[in-house]
N, C-alpha and C. Protein backbone atom coordinates (compact mmCIF):
# COMPACT_ATOMS: atom_id res chain seq x y z
N MET A 1 9.85 -32.02 16.43
CA MET A 1 9.51 -30.66 16.08
C MET A 1 7.98 -30.53 16.04
N PRO A 2 7.42 -29.49 16.67
CA PRO A 2 5.97 -29.31 16.63
C PRO A 2 5.50 -29.08 15.20
N SER A 3 4.34 -29.61 14.91
CA SER A 3 3.78 -29.40 13.57
C SER A 3 2.27 -29.48 13.64
N TRP A 4 1.64 -28.98 12.59
CA TRP A 4 0.19 -28.99 12.51
C TRP A 4 -0.34 -30.35 12.12
N PHE A 5 0.42 -31.05 11.29
CA PHE A 5 0.06 -32.39 10.83
C PHE A 5 1.33 -33.05 10.33
N ASP A 6 1.30 -34.37 10.22
CA ASP A 6 2.50 -35.11 9.83
C ASP A 6 2.87 -34.86 8.38
N ILE A 7 4.17 -34.71 8.16
CA ILE A 7 4.74 -34.65 6.82
C ILE A 7 5.68 -35.85 6.73
N HIS A 8 5.47 -36.67 5.72
CA HIS A 8 6.19 -37.93 5.65
C HIS A 8 7.44 -37.91 4.79
N ASP A 9 7.62 -36.88 3.98
CA ASP A 9 8.81 -36.85 3.13
C ASP A 9 9.14 -35.42 2.71
N THR A 10 10.39 -35.21 2.34
CA THR A 10 10.82 -33.94 1.76
C THR A 10 11.70 -34.26 0.56
N PRO A 11 11.77 -33.41 -0.44
CA PRO A 11 11.00 -32.17 -0.55
C PRO A 11 9.51 -32.48 -0.67
N ILE A 12 8.72 -31.50 -0.31
CA ILE A 12 7.26 -31.65 -0.32
C ILE A 12 6.75 -31.28 -1.71
N THR A 13 6.02 -32.21 -2.30
CA THR A 13 5.46 -31.99 -3.63
C THR A 13 3.96 -32.24 -3.58
N SER A 14 3.31 -32.05 -4.71
CA SER A 14 1.87 -32.31 -4.77
C SER A 14 1.57 -33.81 -4.67
N LYS A 15 2.59 -34.65 -4.79
CA LYS A 15 2.40 -36.09 -4.70
C LYS A 15 2.83 -36.66 -3.35
N SER A 16 3.25 -35.81 -2.41
CA SER A 16 3.68 -36.26 -1.09
C SER A 16 2.53 -36.92 -0.34
N VAL A 17 2.87 -37.89 0.48
CA VAL A 17 1.88 -38.59 1.32
C VAL A 17 1.29 -37.60 2.32
N ARG A 18 0.00 -37.67 2.53
CA ARG A 18 -0.70 -36.75 3.43
C ARG A 18 -1.35 -37.51 4.57
N GLY A 19 -1.28 -36.95 5.77
CA GLY A 19 -1.98 -37.49 6.94
C GLY A 19 -3.28 -36.74 7.13
N GLU A 20 -4.36 -37.21 6.50
CA GLU A 20 -5.62 -36.47 6.50
C GLU A 20 -6.22 -36.29 7.89
N GLU A 21 -6.11 -37.28 8.75
CA GLU A 21 -6.72 -37.18 10.08
C GLU A 21 -6.11 -36.03 10.88
N ASP A 22 -4.77 -35.94 10.90
CA ASP A 22 -4.09 -34.85 11.60
C ASP A 22 -4.44 -33.51 10.97
N LEU A 23 -4.47 -33.47 9.67
CA LEU A 23 -4.81 -32.23 8.96
C LEU A 23 -6.21 -31.76 9.35
N LEU A 24 -7.18 -32.64 9.29
CA LEU A 24 -8.56 -32.25 9.59
C LEU A 24 -8.72 -31.81 11.04
N ARG A 25 -7.97 -32.40 11.95
CA ARG A 25 -8.01 -31.97 13.35
C ARG A 25 -7.47 -30.54 13.47
N SER A 26 -6.40 -30.25 12.76
CA SER A 26 -5.84 -28.90 12.78
C SER A 26 -6.77 -27.89 12.12
N VAL A 27 -7.41 -28.30 11.03
CA VAL A 27 -8.38 -27.43 10.35
C VAL A 27 -9.52 -27.08 11.31
N GLN A 28 -9.98 -28.04 12.07
CA GLN A 28 -11.04 -27.77 13.05
C GLN A 28 -10.59 -26.71 14.06
N GLY A 29 -9.33 -26.77 14.47
CA GLY A 29 -8.80 -25.77 15.38
C GLY A 29 -8.79 -24.38 14.77
N VAL A 30 -8.40 -24.29 13.51
CA VAL A 30 -8.40 -23.00 12.82
C VAL A 30 -9.83 -22.49 12.66
N HIS A 31 -10.73 -23.38 12.29
CA HIS A 31 -12.14 -22.98 12.16
C HIS A 31 -12.68 -22.43 13.48
N ALA A 32 -12.28 -23.04 14.58
CA ALA A 32 -12.72 -22.54 15.90
C ALA A 32 -12.20 -21.12 16.13
N MET A 33 -10.95 -20.83 15.72
CA MET A 33 -10.41 -19.48 15.86
C MET A 33 -11.17 -18.48 14.99
N ILE A 34 -11.45 -18.89 13.75
CA ILE A 34 -12.21 -18.01 12.85
C ILE A 34 -13.60 -17.76 13.42
N ASP A 35 -14.24 -18.81 13.91
CA ASP A 35 -15.58 -18.67 14.49
C ASP A 35 -15.57 -17.71 15.68
N ARG A 36 -14.51 -17.75 16.50
CA ARG A 36 -14.41 -16.83 17.64
C ARG A 36 -14.33 -15.39 17.16
N GLU A 37 -13.55 -15.15 16.10
CA GLU A 37 -13.45 -13.80 15.54
C GLU A 37 -14.82 -13.31 15.06
N ILE A 38 -15.52 -14.18 14.36
CA ILE A 38 -16.83 -13.80 13.82
C ILE A 38 -17.84 -13.61 14.95
N SER A 39 -17.79 -14.48 15.96
CA SER A 39 -18.69 -14.34 17.11
C SER A 39 -18.43 -13.05 17.88
N ALA A 40 -17.21 -12.57 17.81
CA ALA A 40 -16.86 -11.32 18.50
C ALA A 40 -17.28 -10.09 17.70
N GLY A 41 -17.89 -10.31 16.54
CA GLY A 41 -18.42 -9.20 15.76
C GLY A 41 -17.68 -8.88 14.48
N THR A 42 -16.64 -9.62 14.16
CA THR A 42 -15.90 -9.39 12.92
C THR A 42 -16.65 -10.03 11.76
N SER A 43 -16.81 -9.27 10.70
CA SER A 43 -17.44 -9.80 9.50
C SER A 43 -16.51 -10.84 8.87
N PRO A 44 -17.05 -11.95 8.35
CA PRO A 44 -16.19 -12.95 7.70
C PRO A 44 -15.33 -12.36 6.58
N GLU A 45 -15.84 -11.35 5.88
CA GLU A 45 -15.08 -10.73 4.79
C GLU A 45 -13.89 -9.92 5.29
N ASP A 46 -13.82 -9.73 6.61
CA ASP A 46 -12.70 -9.00 7.21
C ASP A 46 -11.72 -9.94 7.90
N VAL A 47 -11.87 -11.24 7.69
CA VAL A 47 -10.96 -12.23 8.28
C VAL A 47 -10.03 -12.74 7.18
N PHE A 48 -8.73 -12.67 7.47
CA PHE A 48 -7.69 -13.14 6.55
C PHE A 48 -6.88 -14.22 7.25
N VAL A 49 -6.58 -15.30 6.52
CA VAL A 49 -5.78 -16.39 7.07
C VAL A 49 -4.50 -16.48 6.24
N PHE A 50 -3.35 -16.34 6.93
CA PHE A 50 -2.05 -16.34 6.26
C PHE A 50 -1.19 -17.45 6.84
N GLY A 51 -0.32 -18.04 6.03
CA GLY A 51 0.57 -19.06 6.57
C GLY A 51 1.80 -19.30 5.72
N LEU A 52 2.85 -19.73 6.40
CA LEU A 52 4.14 -20.04 5.78
C LEU A 52 4.37 -21.54 5.84
N SER A 53 4.75 -22.13 4.72
CA SER A 53 5.13 -23.53 4.63
C SER A 53 3.97 -24.42 5.06
N GLN A 54 4.15 -25.21 6.12
CA GLN A 54 3.08 -26.06 6.59
C GLN A 54 1.91 -25.22 7.10
N GLY A 55 2.22 -24.05 7.65
CA GLY A 55 1.16 -23.12 8.05
C GLY A 55 0.38 -22.61 6.85
N GLY A 56 1.04 -22.46 5.71
CA GLY A 56 0.36 -22.08 4.48
C GLY A 56 -0.56 -23.19 3.99
N ALA A 57 -0.08 -24.43 4.12
CA ALA A 57 -0.91 -25.58 3.75
C ALA A 57 -2.14 -25.65 4.65
N LEU A 58 -1.94 -25.44 5.94
CA LEU A 58 -3.06 -25.44 6.87
C LEU A 58 -4.01 -24.28 6.57
N SER A 59 -3.47 -23.12 6.22
CA SER A 59 -4.30 -21.96 5.91
C SER A 59 -5.21 -22.23 4.72
N ILE A 60 -4.65 -22.75 3.62
CA ILE A 60 -5.47 -22.98 2.43
C ILE A 60 -6.48 -24.09 2.68
N ALA A 61 -6.10 -25.12 3.41
CA ALA A 61 -7.05 -26.19 3.72
C ALA A 61 -8.19 -25.65 4.57
N SER A 62 -7.86 -24.81 5.55
CA SER A 62 -8.88 -24.24 6.43
C SER A 62 -9.85 -23.35 5.67
N VAL A 63 -9.33 -22.55 4.77
CA VAL A 63 -10.18 -21.65 3.98
C VAL A 63 -11.06 -22.46 3.03
N LEU A 64 -10.50 -23.47 2.37
CA LEU A 64 -11.28 -24.26 1.41
C LEU A 64 -12.40 -25.06 2.08
N LEU A 65 -12.22 -25.44 3.32
CA LEU A 65 -13.22 -26.24 4.01
C LEU A 65 -14.12 -25.40 4.91
N TYR A 66 -13.94 -24.08 4.91
CA TYR A 66 -14.76 -23.21 5.75
C TYR A 66 -16.08 -22.91 5.03
N PRO A 67 -17.20 -22.85 5.75
CA PRO A 67 -18.51 -22.68 5.08
C PRO A 67 -18.85 -21.25 4.66
N LYS A 68 -17.96 -20.30 4.90
CA LYS A 68 -18.25 -18.90 4.55
C LYS A 68 -17.11 -18.32 3.71
N THR A 69 -17.42 -17.25 2.98
CA THR A 69 -16.41 -16.51 2.24
C THR A 69 -15.64 -15.64 3.23
N LEU A 70 -14.32 -15.73 3.19
CA LEU A 70 -13.47 -14.92 4.05
C LEU A 70 -12.83 -13.81 3.22
N GLY A 71 -12.16 -12.87 3.90
CA GLY A 71 -11.52 -11.76 3.22
C GLY A 71 -10.40 -12.19 2.30
N GLY A 72 -9.66 -13.21 2.69
CA GLY A 72 -8.58 -13.69 1.85
C GLY A 72 -7.71 -14.70 2.55
N CYS A 73 -6.86 -15.32 1.75
CA CYS A 73 -5.89 -16.30 2.25
C CYS A 73 -4.58 -16.05 1.52
N ALA A 74 -3.49 -16.00 2.27
CA ALA A 74 -2.17 -15.88 1.66
C ALA A 74 -1.34 -17.10 2.05
N VAL A 75 -0.77 -17.75 1.05
CA VAL A 75 0.06 -18.93 1.24
C VAL A 75 1.48 -18.55 0.84
N PHE A 76 2.40 -18.66 1.78
CA PHE A 76 3.82 -18.37 1.53
C PHE A 76 4.58 -19.68 1.50
N SER A 77 5.19 -20.01 0.36
CA SER A 77 5.99 -21.23 0.21
C SER A 77 5.24 -22.45 0.73
N GLY A 78 3.98 -22.56 0.38
CA GLY A 78 3.15 -23.64 0.87
C GLY A 78 2.81 -24.67 -0.19
N PHE A 79 1.88 -25.54 0.17
CA PHE A 79 1.49 -26.64 -0.70
C PHE A 79 0.07 -27.05 -0.34
N LEU A 80 -0.60 -27.76 -1.25
CA LEU A 80 -1.92 -28.30 -0.94
C LEU A 80 -1.70 -29.55 -0.09
N PRO A 81 -2.29 -29.60 1.10
CA PRO A 81 -2.04 -30.72 2.00
C PRO A 81 -3.00 -31.89 1.82
N PHE A 82 -3.69 -31.96 0.69
CA PHE A 82 -4.65 -33.03 0.47
C PHE A 82 -4.68 -33.40 -1.00
N ALA A 83 -5.27 -34.54 -1.28
CA ALA A 83 -5.39 -35.02 -2.65
C ALA A 83 -6.54 -34.30 -3.36
N SER A 84 -6.57 -34.44 -4.66
CA SER A 84 -7.62 -33.79 -5.45
C SER A 84 -9.00 -34.31 -5.09
N SER A 85 -9.07 -35.43 -4.36
CA SER A 85 -10.36 -35.96 -3.93
C SER A 85 -11.09 -34.99 -3.00
N PHE A 86 -10.37 -34.02 -2.42
CA PHE A 86 -10.99 -33.03 -1.54
C PHE A 86 -11.82 -32.01 -2.33
N ARG A 87 -11.69 -32.02 -3.63
CA ARG A 87 -12.40 -31.05 -4.48
C ARG A 87 -13.89 -30.99 -4.14
N SER A 88 -14.50 -32.13 -3.90
CA SER A 88 -15.94 -32.17 -3.63
C SER A 88 -16.29 -31.60 -2.25
N ARG A 89 -15.31 -31.45 -1.37
CA ARG A 89 -15.56 -30.93 -0.02
C ARG A 89 -15.45 -29.41 0.06
N VAL A 90 -14.96 -28.78 -1.00
CA VAL A 90 -14.80 -27.33 -1.00
C VAL A 90 -16.17 -26.68 -1.15
N THR A 91 -16.49 -25.79 -0.21
CA THR A 91 -17.81 -25.17 -0.24
C THR A 91 -17.90 -24.08 -1.31
N ALA A 92 -19.12 -23.85 -1.78
CA ALA A 92 -19.33 -22.80 -2.79
C ALA A 92 -18.92 -21.44 -2.24
N GLU A 93 -19.20 -21.18 -0.97
CA GLU A 93 -18.82 -19.90 -0.35
C GLU A 93 -17.30 -19.78 -0.26
N ALA A 94 -16.62 -20.86 0.08
CA ALA A 94 -15.16 -20.83 0.21
C ALA A 94 -14.51 -20.49 -1.14
N LYS A 95 -15.11 -20.92 -2.21
CA LYS A 95 -14.56 -20.66 -3.55
C LYS A 95 -14.52 -19.17 -3.88
N LYS A 96 -15.27 -18.35 -3.12
CA LYS A 96 -15.29 -16.91 -3.34
C LYS A 96 -14.17 -16.19 -2.59
N THR A 97 -13.44 -16.89 -1.74
CA THR A 97 -12.36 -16.29 -0.98
C THR A 97 -11.14 -16.11 -1.89
N PRO A 98 -10.65 -14.88 -2.04
CA PRO A 98 -9.46 -14.66 -2.87
C PRO A 98 -8.20 -15.21 -2.20
N VAL A 99 -7.27 -15.67 -3.03
CA VAL A 99 -6.03 -16.27 -2.53
C VAL A 99 -4.83 -15.62 -3.18
N LEU A 100 -3.83 -15.34 -2.36
CA LEU A 100 -2.51 -14.90 -2.84
C LEU A 100 -1.55 -16.02 -2.49
N TRP A 101 -0.84 -16.54 -3.48
CA TRP A 101 0.13 -17.62 -3.26
C TRP A 101 1.49 -17.08 -3.69
N ILE A 102 2.41 -17.00 -2.73
CA ILE A 102 3.76 -16.49 -3.01
C ILE A 102 4.76 -17.64 -2.84
N HIS A 103 5.65 -17.75 -3.80
CA HIS A 103 6.63 -18.84 -3.76
C HIS A 103 7.95 -18.37 -4.36
N GLY A 104 9.04 -18.96 -3.91
CA GLY A 104 10.35 -18.65 -4.45
C GLY A 104 10.88 -19.76 -5.32
N ARG A 105 11.58 -19.38 -6.38
CA ARG A 105 12.18 -20.39 -7.27
C ARG A 105 13.34 -21.13 -6.59
N ALA A 106 13.92 -20.52 -5.55
CA ALA A 106 15.06 -21.13 -4.86
C ALA A 106 14.63 -21.95 -3.63
N ASP A 107 13.35 -22.27 -3.55
CA ASP A 107 12.83 -23.06 -2.42
C ASP A 107 13.03 -24.54 -2.74
N PHE A 108 13.88 -25.19 -1.94
CA PHE A 108 14.16 -26.61 -2.18
C PHE A 108 13.42 -27.52 -1.22
N LEU A 109 12.83 -26.98 -0.16
CA LEU A 109 12.03 -27.79 0.76
C LEU A 109 10.62 -28.01 0.20
N VAL A 110 10.03 -26.92 -0.30
CA VAL A 110 8.74 -27.00 -0.99
C VAL A 110 8.97 -26.38 -2.37
N PRO A 111 9.39 -27.19 -3.34
CA PRO A 111 9.72 -26.64 -4.67
C PRO A 111 8.55 -25.88 -5.29
N ILE A 112 8.90 -24.97 -6.17
CA ILE A 112 7.90 -24.09 -6.78
C ILE A 112 6.79 -24.86 -7.48
N GLU A 113 7.09 -26.07 -7.94
CA GLU A 113 6.05 -26.88 -8.60
C GLU A 113 4.86 -27.15 -7.66
N ALA A 114 5.12 -27.25 -6.36
CA ALA A 114 4.03 -27.46 -5.40
C ALA A 114 3.11 -26.23 -5.39
N GLY A 115 3.69 -25.05 -5.48
CA GLY A 115 2.89 -23.83 -5.55
C GLY A 115 2.14 -23.74 -6.87
N GLN A 116 2.79 -24.10 -7.95
CA GLN A 116 2.14 -24.07 -9.25
C GLN A 116 0.97 -25.05 -9.29
N ASP A 117 1.18 -26.25 -8.72
CA ASP A 117 0.10 -27.24 -8.67
C ASP A 117 -1.06 -26.74 -7.81
N GLY A 118 -0.74 -26.08 -6.70
CA GLY A 118 -1.77 -25.56 -5.81
C GLY A 118 -2.61 -24.50 -6.49
N THR A 119 -1.95 -23.56 -7.18
CA THR A 119 -2.71 -22.50 -7.84
C THR A 119 -3.52 -23.07 -9.01
N LYS A 120 -2.99 -24.06 -9.68
CA LYS A 120 -3.74 -24.70 -10.77
C LYS A 120 -5.01 -25.35 -10.21
N PHE A 121 -4.90 -26.02 -9.06
CA PHE A 121 -6.05 -26.63 -8.42
C PHE A 121 -7.10 -25.58 -8.07
N LEU A 122 -6.66 -24.49 -7.45
CA LEU A 122 -7.59 -23.43 -7.04
C LEU A 122 -8.28 -22.79 -8.24
N ARG A 123 -7.52 -22.51 -9.28
CA ARG A 123 -8.11 -21.91 -10.48
C ARG A 123 -9.07 -22.88 -11.14
N GLY A 124 -8.77 -24.18 -11.05
CA GLY A 124 -9.67 -25.20 -11.57
C GLY A 124 -11.01 -25.22 -10.84
N LEU A 125 -11.01 -24.75 -9.61
CA LEU A 125 -12.25 -24.62 -8.84
C LEU A 125 -13.00 -23.33 -9.19
N GLY A 126 -12.36 -22.48 -10.01
CA GLY A 126 -12.95 -21.20 -10.37
C GLY A 126 -12.61 -20.10 -9.38
N MET A 127 -11.58 -20.34 -8.55
CA MET A 127 -11.22 -19.35 -7.53
C MET A 127 -10.28 -18.29 -8.08
N SER A 128 -10.33 -17.12 -7.47
CA SER A 128 -9.39 -16.05 -7.76
C SER A 128 -8.11 -16.34 -7.00
N CYS A 129 -7.03 -16.56 -7.73
CA CYS A 129 -5.75 -16.91 -7.10
C CYS A 129 -4.62 -16.22 -7.84
N GLU A 130 -3.95 -15.31 -7.16
CA GLU A 130 -2.77 -14.65 -7.73
C GLU A 130 -1.54 -15.45 -7.32
N PHE A 131 -0.68 -15.75 -8.28
CA PHE A 131 0.56 -16.49 -8.00
C PHE A 131 1.73 -15.54 -8.22
N LYS A 132 2.45 -15.22 -7.15
CA LYS A 132 3.57 -14.28 -7.19
C LYS A 132 4.85 -15.07 -6.96
N VAL A 133 5.81 -14.92 -7.87
CA VAL A 133 7.06 -15.67 -7.80
C VAL A 133 8.24 -14.70 -7.61
N TYR A 134 9.13 -15.07 -6.70
CA TYR A 134 10.39 -14.34 -6.50
C TYR A 134 11.53 -15.29 -6.84
N ASP A 135 12.36 -14.89 -7.80
CA ASP A 135 13.42 -15.77 -8.31
C ASP A 135 14.43 -16.21 -7.26
N GLU A 136 14.88 -15.33 -6.41
CA GLU A 136 15.95 -15.64 -5.46
C GLU A 136 15.46 -16.10 -4.09
N LEU A 137 14.16 -16.18 -3.91
CA LEU A 137 13.59 -16.52 -2.61
C LEU A 137 13.65 -18.02 -2.35
N GLY A 138 14.17 -18.38 -1.18
CA GLY A 138 14.19 -19.77 -0.75
C GLY A 138 12.98 -20.07 0.13
N HIS A 139 13.16 -21.00 1.05
CA HIS A 139 12.07 -21.39 1.95
C HIS A 139 12.14 -20.50 3.19
N GLU A 140 11.61 -19.30 3.04
CA GLU A 140 11.71 -18.28 4.09
C GLU A 140 10.60 -17.27 3.88
N LEU A 141 10.47 -16.38 4.83
CA LEU A 141 9.51 -15.29 4.72
C LEU A 141 10.30 -13.99 4.75
N ALA A 142 10.29 -13.29 3.63
CA ALA A 142 11.06 -12.05 3.50
C ALA A 142 10.15 -10.84 3.71
N PRO A 143 10.71 -9.73 4.21
CA PRO A 143 9.90 -8.52 4.43
C PRO A 143 9.15 -8.06 3.18
N TYR A 144 9.76 -8.19 2.01
CA TYR A 144 9.09 -7.73 0.79
C TYR A 144 7.86 -8.59 0.46
N GLU A 145 7.84 -9.85 0.89
CA GLU A 145 6.64 -10.68 0.71
C GLU A 145 5.49 -10.13 1.57
N LEU A 146 5.81 -9.79 2.81
CA LEU A 146 4.79 -9.25 3.70
C LEU A 146 4.27 -7.91 3.20
N GLU A 147 5.18 -7.09 2.66
CA GLU A 147 4.76 -5.80 2.12
C GLU A 147 3.82 -5.99 0.93
N TYR A 148 4.16 -6.94 0.06
CA TYR A 148 3.30 -7.23 -1.10
C TYR A 148 1.95 -7.75 -0.62
N CYS A 149 1.97 -8.65 0.35
CA CYS A 149 0.74 -9.22 0.90
C CYS A 149 -0.13 -8.13 1.53
N GLU A 150 0.50 -7.22 2.23
CA GLU A 150 -0.24 -6.13 2.86
C GLU A 150 -0.95 -5.28 1.80
N ARG A 151 -0.26 -4.98 0.71
CA ARG A 151 -0.88 -4.22 -0.38
C ARG A 151 -2.03 -5.02 -1.00
N TRP A 152 -1.79 -6.32 -1.21
CA TRP A 152 -2.82 -7.19 -1.80
C TRP A 152 -4.06 -7.23 -0.91
N ALA A 153 -3.87 -7.44 0.38
CA ALA A 153 -5.01 -7.54 1.30
C ALA A 153 -5.73 -6.20 1.45
N GLY A 154 -5.00 -5.11 1.26
CA GLY A 154 -5.58 -3.80 1.46
C GLY A 154 -6.25 -3.19 0.26
N LYS A 155 -5.98 -3.73 -0.91
CA LYS A 155 -6.57 -3.11 -2.10
C LYS A 155 -8.04 -3.48 -2.24
N GLY A 156 -8.84 -2.53 -2.65
CA GLY A 156 -10.24 -2.81 -2.95
C GLY A 156 -10.31 -3.38 -4.35
N SER A 157 -11.13 -4.37 -4.55
CA SER A 157 -11.24 -4.97 -5.87
C SER A 157 -12.67 -5.41 -6.12
N SER A 158 -13.34 -4.69 -6.98
CA SER A 158 -14.71 -5.08 -7.29
C SER A 158 -14.72 -6.39 -8.05
N GLU A 159 -13.63 -6.68 -8.78
CA GLU A 159 -13.55 -7.93 -9.52
C GLU A 159 -13.61 -9.12 -8.55
N GLN A 160 -12.95 -8.97 -7.40
CA GLN A 160 -12.92 -10.05 -6.44
C GLN A 160 -14.01 -9.89 -5.37
N GLY A 161 -14.75 -8.81 -5.44
CA GLY A 161 -15.80 -8.59 -4.47
C GLY A 161 -15.26 -8.32 -3.08
N ARG A 162 -14.07 -7.78 -3.00
CA ARG A 162 -13.43 -7.56 -1.71
C ARG A 162 -13.35 -6.08 -1.41
N LYS A 163 -13.66 -5.71 -0.19
CA LYS A 163 -13.54 -4.32 0.25
C LYS A 163 -12.09 -4.02 0.57
N GLY A 164 -11.74 -2.74 0.58
CA GLY A 164 -10.43 -2.34 1.07
C GLY A 164 -10.33 -2.70 2.54
N VAL A 165 -9.15 -3.01 3.00
CA VAL A 165 -8.97 -3.47 4.38
C VAL A 165 -8.03 -2.54 5.12
N ASP A 166 -8.42 -2.13 6.30
CA ASP A 166 -7.56 -1.41 7.21
C ASP A 166 -7.56 -2.21 8.50
N ARG A 167 -6.66 -3.19 8.57
CA ARG A 167 -6.68 -4.12 9.69
C ARG A 167 -6.21 -3.50 10.99
N GLY A 168 -5.48 -2.40 10.93
CA GLY A 168 -4.95 -1.82 12.14
C GLY A 168 -3.90 -2.71 12.80
N VAL A 169 -3.25 -3.56 12.02
CA VAL A 169 -2.23 -4.46 12.57
C VAL A 169 -0.87 -3.92 12.16
N SER A 170 -0.03 -3.62 13.14
CA SER A 170 1.29 -3.10 12.82
C SER A 170 2.17 -4.22 12.29
N ARG A 171 3.17 -3.87 11.53
CA ARG A 171 4.05 -4.89 10.96
C ARG A 171 4.73 -5.72 12.02
N SER A 172 4.96 -5.16 13.19
CA SER A 172 5.62 -5.91 14.24
C SER A 172 4.75 -7.04 14.78
N ASN A 173 3.46 -7.05 14.43
CA ASN A 173 2.56 -8.10 14.90
C ASN A 173 2.42 -9.26 13.93
N TYR A 174 3.11 -9.21 12.79
CA TYR A 174 3.04 -10.32 11.85
C TYR A 174 3.75 -11.54 12.42
N SER A 175 3.18 -12.69 12.17
CA SER A 175 3.83 -13.94 12.55
C SER A 175 4.71 -14.37 11.38
N CYS A 176 5.93 -14.80 11.66
CA CYS A 176 6.81 -15.17 10.56
C CYS A 176 6.86 -16.68 10.33
N CYS A 177 6.09 -17.41 11.08
CA CYS A 177 6.02 -18.85 10.85
C CYS A 177 4.64 -19.34 11.26
N GLY A 178 4.33 -20.58 10.91
CA GLY A 178 3.01 -21.08 11.25
C GLY A 178 1.96 -20.36 10.46
N PHE A 179 0.93 -19.88 11.13
CA PHE A 179 -0.11 -19.15 10.41
C PHE A 179 -0.65 -18.06 11.34
N SER A 180 -1.34 -17.12 10.75
CA SER A 180 -1.96 -16.03 11.49
C SER A 180 -3.33 -15.77 10.92
N ILE A 181 -4.21 -15.31 11.79
CA ILE A 181 -5.53 -14.86 11.35
C ILE A 181 -5.58 -13.38 11.68
N PHE A 182 -5.86 -12.56 10.69
CA PHE A 182 -5.98 -11.13 10.89
C PHE A 182 -7.42 -10.72 10.64
N SER A 183 -7.87 -9.77 11.40
CA SER A 183 -9.18 -9.20 11.14
C SER A 183 -9.13 -7.71 11.44
N ARG A 184 -10.11 -7.00 10.94
CA ARG A 184 -10.18 -5.58 11.21
C ARG A 184 -10.66 -5.34 12.60
């Protein structure tokens, strides 16, 4: 099965073995995509990185290791794909990127504890991270998650230093797996 980086065991927890080399190679690919968006004239604050499951793990890793503040990151049923030793590699600018982490209590592939551990890590860095839980949600992407994410990404928040967003992306263009980068 194609993947962004190796996963050695399931269920995936914060203590799961991580393949850092594969992860960092994938992060470089995401950074190249973000750089292309910015080179094309998109402001970094208008770039959002979203991902489901392993794509969510790749999204948060890419945002944390990116040298600029982005518009936001949404992690759906994801996990932190690295050990706490990565804390020192997180840039000061990346810490300003707001994060929405959505997880379901009925997720048995990536249990909710992985999401809780991820948000605890981010908040420990001083990051703005909203943790949204749906009781009946398993390891899937439901339309109501995307609707919530769309409202979250679109709201203006002086507390988070984020402008309102009108991405001009129709709902039919959302990716339901892997990850997506949206910009205005």
